[in-house]
Amino acid sequence: MPHTVARILERKGSDVATVAPDISLSEAVRLLTHRGVGALVVSHNDVAVLGILSERDVIHQLAERGAAVLDEPVSKHMSDALTCDPSMTIDVLSALMTEQRIRHLPVMSSGRLAGIVSIGDVVKTRLDELMETSQHLEAYVTGRY
């Protein structure tokens, strides 16, 4: 059975760090730091996804325009957010993240924000799959299967 986004969310939970589009970029940076995350989902109501603000978005804006951007609203600096759904396989998810060069994908289920997956979640899942396969092969070869 292929591993899916739903399986990742079962393991890590469905908590998502969100931010309103009208708060300042400096407040969003504090929230990124406080929550220890690399991206915030931009939402009015923690249900619909308006965009995403990543550490990369902040750094690019600071490099291009300087510290003045920190007083501007998040909505001015967020990126469009691609989303995924819980049934998406890890193979499809990792290909999408690689092709689009993105590190975080909000998960939508029945039109509602249901979680977020990161490239780190994908890597951990892949490593778990490899360990499981290795253990099965070892058990088979040694006759413990």
Protein backbone atom coordinates (compact mmCIF):
# COMPACT_ATOMS: atom_id res chain seq x y z
CA MET A 1 0.00 0.00 0.00
CA PRO A 2 1.55 3.35 -1.01
CA HIS A 3 2.21 5.91 1.67
CA THR A 4 -0.01 8.99 1.48
CA VAL A 5 -0.27 12.51 2.83
CA ALA A 6 -2.95 11.22 5.23
CA ARG A 7 -0.38 8.86 6.73
CA ILE A 8 2.05 11.75 7.30
CA LEU A 9 -0.69 13.74 9.04
CA GLU A 10 -1.56 10.73 11.23
CA ARG A 11 2.02 10.72 12.46
CA LYS A 12 2.68 14.45 12.82
CA GLY A 13 -0.81 15.82 13.47
CA SER A 14 -2.86 18.45 11.72
CA ASP A 15 -1.68 21.59 13.51
CA VAL A 16 -0.97 24.41 11.08
CA ALA A 17 0.66 27.74 11.88
CA THR A 18 -1.53 30.35 10.23
CA VAL A 19 -1.35 34.10 9.96
CA ALA A 20 -3.86 36.76 8.94
CA PRO A 21 -3.03 38.58 5.70
CA ASP A 22 -3.11 42.03 7.31
CA ILE A 23 -0.50 41.55 10.03
CA SER A 24 2.94 43.01 9.50
CA LEU A 25 5.79 41.01 8.07
CA SER A 26 7.76 41.63 11.28
CA GLU A 27 4.98 40.04 13.35
CA ALA A 28 4.93 37.10 10.95
CA VAL A 29 8.70 36.68 11.39
CA ARG A 30 8.19 36.56 15.17
CA LEU A 31 5.51 33.92 14.68
CA LEU A 32 7.77 31.85 12.40
CA THR A 33 10.44 31.95 15.08
CA HIS A 34 8.06 31.30 18.00
CA ARG A 35 6.40 28.33 16.26
CA GLY A 36 9.71 26.98 14.94
CA VAL A 37 8.34 26.54 11.43
CA GLY A 38 9.57 27.45 7.98
CA ALA A 39 6.25 28.69 6.60
CA LEU A 40 2.93 30.15 7.65
CA VAL A 41 -0.34 29.53 5.86
CA VAL A 42 -2.05 32.86 5.21
CA SER A 43 -5.74 32.65 6.08
CA HIS A 44 -8.56 34.85 7.36
CA ASN A 45 -10.29 32.00 9.17
CA ASP A 46 -7.90 29.03 9.48
CA VAL A 47 -10.10 27.24 6.92
CA ALA A 48 -9.42 28.77 3.49
CA VAL A 49 -5.88 29.22 2.16
CA LEU A 50 -5.08 32.65 0.72
CA GLY A 51 -1.36 32.04 0.28
CA ILE A 52 1.78 30.98 2.09
CA LEU A 53 4.62 32.96 3.61
CA SER A 54 7.93 31.15 3.88
CA GLU A 55 11.25 32.12 5.38
CA ARG A 56 12.49 32.27 1.79
CA ASP A 57 9.82 34.86 0.91
CA VAL A 58 10.94 37.05 3.81
CA ILE A 59 14.64 36.78 2.97
CA HIS A 60 14.05 37.64 -0.69
CA GLN A 61 12.03 40.72 0.25
CA LEU A 62 14.64 41.90 2.77
CA ALA A 63 17.41 41.42 0.21
CA GLU A 64 15.52 43.30 -2.51
CA ARG A 65 13.96 46.13 -0.53
CA GLY A 66 15.52 46.31 2.91
CA ALA A 67 14.07 46.43 6.42
CA ALA A 68 11.19 48.74 5.41
CA VAL A 69 9.28 45.67 4.18
CA LEU A 70 8.91 44.49 7.78
CA ASP A 71 6.19 47.10 8.34
CA GLU A 72 4.16 45.97 5.33
CA PRO A 73 1.32 43.43 5.49
CA VAL A 74 1.92 39.74 4.90
CA SER A 75 -0.53 39.83 1.98
CA LYS A 76 1.96 41.91 0.01
CA HIS A 77 4.71 39.30 0.36
CA MET A 78 2.98 35.92 0.45
CA SER A 79 3.32 33.41 -2.37
CA ASP A 80 0.49 31.62 -4.08
CA ALA A 81 -0.03 28.33 -2.28
CA LEU A 82 -0.25 25.07 -4.12
CA THR A 83 -2.18 22.56 -2.04
CA CYS A 84 -2.51 18.82 -1.86
CA ASP A 85 -5.10 16.43 -0.51
CA PRO A 86 -4.78 13.58 1.99
CA SER A 87 -5.04 10.87 -0.68
CA MET A 88 -1.97 12.08 -2.60
CA THR A 89 0.84 9.52 -2.59
CA ILE A 90 4.30 10.38 -1.34
CA ASP A 91 5.66 9.71 -4.86
CA VAL A 92 3.35 12.32 -6.39
CA LEU A 93 3.91 14.72 -3.48
CA SER A 94 7.70 14.54 -3.72
CA ALA A 95 7.62 15.00 -7.50
CA LEU A 96 5.35 18.05 -7.14
CA MET A 97 7.55 19.61 -4.46
CA THR A 98 10.68 18.99 -6.51
CA GLU A 99 9.24 20.27 -9.80
CA GLN A 100 7.77 23.40 -8.21
CA ARG A 101 10.77 23.96 -5.89
CA ILE A 102 8.55 24.30 -2.82
CA ARG A 103 9.14 23.07 0.69
CA HIS A 104 5.66 23.33 2.23
CA LEU A 105 2.23 22.30 0.98
CA PRO A 106 -1.02 22.99 2.81
CA VAL A 107 -3.32 19.98 2.87
CA MET A 108 -6.96 20.58 1.94
CA SER A 109 -9.77 18.16 2.71
CA SER A 110 -13.39 18.89 1.79
CA GLY A 111 -12.47 22.51 1.10
CA ARG A 112 -10.91 23.02 4.54
CA LEU A 113 -7.31 23.36 5.71
CA ALA A 114 -6.46 19.97 7.20
CA GLY A 115 -2.72 20.18 7.80
CA ILE A 116 0.59 20.99 6.17
CA VAL A 117 3.39 18.81 4.87
CA SER A 118 7.01 19.80 4.45
CA ILE A 119 9.86 18.39 2.45
CA GLY A 120 11.23 17.16 5.79
CA ASP A 121 8.07 15.11 6.29
CA VAL A 122 8.57 13.59 2.84
CA VAL A 123 12.21 12.72 3.58
CA LYS A 124 11.30 11.15 6.93
CA THR A 125 8.58 9.07 5.30
CA ARG A 126 10.98 7.91 2.60
CA LEU A 127 13.56 6.92 5.23
CA ASP A 128 10.89 5.03 7.18
CA GLU A 129 9.88 3.19 3.99
CA LEU A 130 13.50 2.22 3.30
CA MET A 131 14.00 0.99 6.87
CA GLU A 132 10.82 -1.08 6.69
CA THR A 133 11.85 -2.62 3.37
CA SER A 134 15.32 -3.37 4.71
CA GLN A 135 13.88 -5.10 7.78
CA HIS A 136 11.53 -7.20 5.64
CA LEU A 137 14.36 -8.23 3.32
CA GLU A 138 16.62 -9.11 6.24
CA ALA A 139 13.87 -11.20 7.83
CA TYR A 140 13.25 -12.96 4.52
CA VAL A 141 16.93 -13.70 3.88
CA THR A 142 17.54 -14.97 7.42
CA GLY A 143 14.40 -17.10 7.41
CA ARG A 144 12.64 -15.15 10.16
CA TYR A 145 9.81 -14.18 7.84
